[in-house]
Amino acid sequence: MRVAGDERREFQRLRVDPPIPATLGNIQVMIVDAGVLGARVQHALPLEDKYADLRFTFRDQPIAMHCEIVRTTMSGETKLTDSSLQSGLRFVWAIEGSGDKLRRMLAQLVAHEFDSRRKVPADTMPQHASVDGDKTVRGADAAFLCYRYDGGVWRKRRVFLPEQPPAGFTVARIEDSTEMQRLCRVYETADEEGRRLIRLFAELSVSDVLQIPPNS
């Protein structure tokens, strides 16, 4: 995690429940959390290679990421009956357009998590299109908007670095739409975990502009 002043530039991971079955190289694994930078998987057999392709399917969409295995430790909580290991993965690049598919998957999982918590009405969450590349600014024109919640008041400012404020969120530059206003209202009433999910949701638009993970 990088810290700049009182703002954080990071991409968070979302717990995946139920876990998603996948293969890492030729090893069966279960994805237990995921984000745009990487994932954590549980597995029974040891991993022998430093790099491998993670392949899985989400809602009939195949997704493949070339990964670096960052670390492997003993797993205290297993999702496979005979698994005893867990590994942290860093996404090196997305294979065959899987970066966009990964962002769509994460957006759907975040929206589902909000719905399952039942503390926020489902119709108050932004539609998935709010994190689509169609509404973001690409290339040399890329810029970001920081929505800071300060003393019960929202303050919006244009920023050049997509750092997340301690209270509020930063998104890729889009029109000051009804979607962003609704997201601010949801943030006001959410608990800490709900606010973390909102930041994760906002980070998806940032990762789209920055093309994280990069394409192969």
Protein backbone atom coordinates (compact mmCIF):
# COMPACT_ATOMS: atom_id res chain seq x y z
CA MET A 1 0.00 0.00 0.00
CA ARG A 2 1.35 3.40 -0.94
CA VAL A 3 0.53 6.34 1.29
CA ALA A 4 0.70 9.92 0.04
CA GLY A 5 -0.20 12.46 2.67
CA ASP A 6 -3.53 11.40 4.11
CA GLU A 7 -4.68 9.72 0.91
CA ARG A 8 -4.14 6.15 -0.20
CA ARG A 9 -3.43 4.85 -3.67
CA GLU A 10 -4.42 1.22 -3.53
CA PHE A 11 -6.64 -1.35 -5.15
CA GLN A 12 -8.53 -3.46 -2.67
CA ARG A 13 -9.60 -7.07 -2.94
CA LEU A 14 -13.05 -8.53 -2.47
CA ARG A 15 -13.80 -11.75 -0.62
CA VAL A 16 -15.31 -14.24 -3.07
CA ASP A 17 -18.09 -16.27 -1.47
CA PRO A 18 -18.70 -18.88 -2.66
CA PRO A 19 -15.14 -19.32 -3.92
CA ILE A 20 -14.62 -19.74 -7.66
CA PRO A 21 -13.00 -22.97 -8.91
CA ALA A 22 -10.04 -22.35 -11.18
CA THR A 23 -6.79 -23.80 -12.44
CA LEU A 24 -3.38 -22.26 -11.83
CA GLY A 25 -1.13 -23.87 -14.38
CA ASN A 26 -2.18 -27.51 -14.01
CA ILE A 27 -3.16 -27.24 -10.32
CA GLN A 28 -6.76 -27.07 -9.12
CA VAL A 29 -7.37 -24.02 -6.92
CA MET A 30 -10.23 -22.05 -5.38
CA ILE A 31 -10.27 -18.25 -5.68
CA VAL A 32 -11.18 -16.88 -2.24
CA ASP A 33 -10.59 -13.18 -2.86
CA ALA A 34 -9.82 -11.09 -5.92
CA GLY A 35 -9.11 -7.56 -7.14
CA VAL A 36 -7.68 -5.87 -10.20
CA LEU A 37 -4.10 -6.38 -8.99
CA GLY A 38 -4.28 -9.98 -7.89
CA ALA A 39 -6.03 -12.74 -6.01
CA ARG A 40 -5.67 -15.25 -3.20
CA VAL A 41 -6.24 -18.92 -3.89
CA GLN A 42 -6.38 -22.09 -1.81
CA HIS A 43 -5.05 -25.42 -3.07
CA ALA A 44 -4.01 -28.88 -2.00
CA LEU A 45 -0.91 -29.47 -4.13
CA PRO A 46 2.25 -27.34 -3.96
CA LEU A 47 2.99 -24.87 -6.74
CA GLU A 48 6.29 -25.50 -8.46
CA ASP A 49 6.49 -22.52 -10.84
CA LYS A 50 7.00 -18.83 -10.13
CA TYR A 51 4.61 -17.82 -12.93
CA ALA A 52 1.44 -19.51 -14.16
CA ASP A 53 -1.87 -18.77 -15.89
CA LEU A 54 -4.96 -18.53 -13.70
CA ARG A 55 -8.02 -19.68 -15.68
CA PHE A 56 -11.64 -19.74 -14.55
CA THR A 57 -15.18 -19.05 -15.72
CA PHE A 58 -17.58 -16.49 -14.28
CA ARG A 59 -21.16 -16.48 -15.55
CA ASP A 60 -20.16 -18.33 -18.71
CA GLN A 61 -17.32 -15.88 -19.44
CA PRO A 62 -13.81 -17.40 -19.55
CA ILE A 63 -11.19 -15.28 -17.77
CA ALA A 64 -7.44 -15.86 -17.90
CA MET A 65 -4.69 -13.95 -16.10
CA HIS A 66 -0.94 -14.48 -16.24
CA CYS A 67 0.20 -14.42 -12.61
CA GLU A 68 3.26 -14.25 -10.43
CA ILE A 69 3.00 -16.44 -7.34
CA VAL A 70 4.04 -14.00 -4.63
CA ARG A 71 3.89 -16.24 -1.58
CA THR A 72 2.50 -19.55 -0.35
CA THR A 73 1.58 -20.28 3.26
CA MET A 74 -0.40 -22.80 5.25
CA SER A 75 -4.13 -22.14 5.06
CA GLY A 76 -6.06 -21.82 8.30
CA GLU A 77 -9.44 -21.75 6.55
CA THR A 78 -9.95 -24.20 3.70
CA LYS A 79 -12.48 -24.20 0.89
CA LEU A 80 -11.26 -27.48 -0.60
CA THR A 81 -11.75 -30.53 1.60
CA ASP A 82 -8.11 -31.57 1.35
CA SER A 83 -6.51 -28.16 0.82
CA SER A 84 -3.87 -26.96 3.24
CA LEU A 85 -2.12 -24.22 1.26
CA GLN A 86 -2.97 -20.70 0.15
CA SER A 87 -1.09 -18.52 -2.30
CA GLY A 88 -1.12 -14.83 -3.08
CA LEU A 89 -1.07 -13.99 -6.78
CA ARG A 90 -0.10 -10.81 -8.60
CA PHE A 91 -1.65 -10.31 -12.02
CA VAL A 92 1.12 -9.64 -14.53
CA TRP A 93 -1.14 -9.25 -17.54
CA ALA A 94 -4.63 -10.09 -18.78
CA ILE A 95 -4.93 -12.72 -21.48
CA GLU A 96 -7.20 -12.13 -24.49
CA GLY A 97 -9.19 -9.18 -23.16
CA SER A 98 -9.72 -10.68 -19.72
CA GLY A 99 -9.03 -7.36 -17.98
CA ASP A 100 -12.43 -5.98 -18.99
CA LYS A 101 -14.10 -9.26 -18.01
CA LEU A 102 -12.40 -9.16 -14.62
CA ARG A 103 -13.62 -5.61 -13.94
CA ARG A 104 -17.17 -6.56 -14.93
CA MET A 105 -16.99 -9.60 -12.65
CA LEU A 106 -15.80 -7.51 -9.70
CA ALA A 107 -18.50 -4.89 -10.30
CA GLN A 108 -21.17 -7.59 -10.24
CA LEU A 109 -19.73 -9.17 -7.10
CA VAL A 110 -19.62 -5.81 -5.29
CA ALA A 111 -23.22 -5.06 -6.25
CA HIS A 112 -24.24 -8.53 -5.08
CA GLU A 113 -22.44 -8.00 -1.77
CA PHE A 114 -24.35 -4.77 -1.21
CA ASP A 115 -27.61 -6.55 -1.95
CA SER A 116 -26.80 -9.43 0.41
CA ARG A 117 -25.96 -7.07 3.26
CA ARG A 118 -29.53 -5.72 3.06
CA LYS A 119 -28.49 -2.44 4.64
CA VAL A 120 -28.56 -0.60 1.34
CA PRO A 121 -31.50 -0.84 -1.08
CA ALA A 122 -30.34 -2.55 -4.26
CA ASP A 123 -31.81 0.16 -6.49
CA THR A 124 -29.54 2.78 -4.90
CA MET A 125 -26.37 1.16 -6.21
CA PRO A 126 -25.04 2.54 -9.49
CA GLN A 127 -25.59 0.41 -12.57
CA HIS A 128 -22.61 -1.54 -13.86
CA ALA A 129 -22.36 0.91 -16.76
CA SER A 130 -21.02 3.47 -14.29
CA VAL A 131 -17.69 1.64 -14.32
CA ASP A 132 -17.69 0.85 -18.02
CA GLY A 133 -14.95 2.26 -20.22
CA ASP A 134 -17.60 4.04 -22.31
CA LYS A 135 -18.01 6.67 -19.61
CA THR A 136 -14.38 7.10 -18.65
CA VAL A 137 -11.65 9.20 -20.20
CA ARG A 138 -8.76 7.37 -21.82
CA GLY A 139 -5.24 8.07 -22.97
CA ALA A 140 -3.66 11.51 -22.68
CA ASP A 141 -6.95 13.07 -21.52
CA ALA A 142 -7.26 10.80 -18.48
CA ALA A 143 -8.13 12.61 -15.24
CA PHE A 144 -9.91 11.72 -12.04
CA LEU A 145 -12.49 13.15 -9.67
CA CYS A 146 -12.09 12.93 -5.92
CA TYR A 147 -15.29 13.01 -3.83
CA ARG A 148 -14.21 13.79 -0.27
CA TYR A 149 -16.73 13.55 2.59
CA ASP A 150 -15.65 16.25 5.02
CA GLY A 151 -17.70 17.22 8.06
CA GLY A 152 -20.95 16.03 6.53
CA VAL A 153 -20.27 17.92 3.27
CA TRP A 154 -19.15 16.47 -0.06
CA ARG A 155 -16.28 18.28 -1.76
CA LYS A 156 -15.45 17.35 -5.33
CA ARG A 157 -12.16 18.20 -7.00
CA ARG A 158 -10.32 17.13 -10.09
CA VAL A 159 -7.08 15.26 -9.37
CA PHE A 160 -4.26 13.90 -11.48
CA LEU A 161 -3.49 10.88 -9.30
CA PRO A 162 -6.25 8.40 -8.42
CA GLU A 163 -5.57 8.32 -4.68
CA GLN A 164 -8.40 7.28 -2.39
CA PRO A 165 -9.23 9.79 0.39
CA PRO A 166 -9.73 8.57 3.97
CA ALA A 167 -13.42 9.55 3.71
CA GLY A 168 -14.97 9.36 0.25
CA PHE A 169 -13.74 7.92 -3.01
CA THR A 170 -11.98 8.72 -6.28
CA VAL A 171 -13.28 7.71 -9.69
CA ALA A 172 -12.29 8.19 -13.29
CA ARG A 173 -13.53 11.51 -14.65
CA ILE A 174 -17.16 11.30 -15.66
CA GLU A 175 -20.02 13.80 -15.79
CA ASP A 176 -21.41 14.76 -12.40
CA SER A 177 -24.24 12.33 -12.95
CA THR A 178 -27.12 11.08 -10.88
CA GLU A 179 -25.16 7.86 -10.43
CA MET A 180 -22.36 9.63 -8.54
CA GLN A 181 -24.83 11.57 -6.43
CA ARG A 182 -26.56 8.33 -5.47
CA LEU A 183 -23.22 6.75 -4.66
CA CYS A 184 -22.48 9.65 -2.30
CA ARG A 185 -25.82 9.16 -0.54
CA VAL A 186 -25.16 5.43 -0.13
CA TYR A 187 -21.71 6.21 1.28
CA GLU A 188 -23.19 8.54 3.93
CA THR A 189 -25.34 5.78 5.47
CA ALA A 190 -22.97 2.83 4.97
CA ASP A 191 -20.85 1.23 7.69
CA GLU A 192 -17.08 0.87 7.34
CA GLU A 193 -17.29 -2.34 5.31
CA GLY A 194 -19.94 -0.78 3.07
CA ARG A 195 -17.69 2.22 2.47
CA ARG A 196 -14.80 -0.08 1.63
CA LEU A 197 -17.00 -1.77 -0.97
CA ILE A 198 -17.89 1.64 -2.44
CA ARG A 199 -14.20 2.50 -2.76
CA LEU A 200 -13.58 -0.84 -4.42
CA PHE A 201 -16.46 -0.15 -6.83
CA ALA A 202 -15.01 3.30 -7.61
CA GLU A 203 -11.54 1.84 -8.14
CA LEU A 204 -12.83 -0.25 -11.02
CA SER A 205 -13.31 2.88 -13.14
CA VAL A 206 -9.79 4.02 -12.20
CA SER A 207 -8.31 0.64 -13.16
CA ASP A 208 -10.12 0.80 -16.50
CA VAL A 209 -8.44 4.11 -17.36
CA LEU A 210 -5.04 2.92 -16.18
CA GLN A 211 -5.52 -0.44 -17.91
CA ILE A 212 -4.82 -2.44 -14.77
CA PRO A 213 -4.15 -5.27 -15.23
CA PRO A 214 -2.43 -4.62 -18.58
CA ASN A 215 -3.32 -6.66 -21.64
CA SER A 216 -0.89 -9.20 -22.96
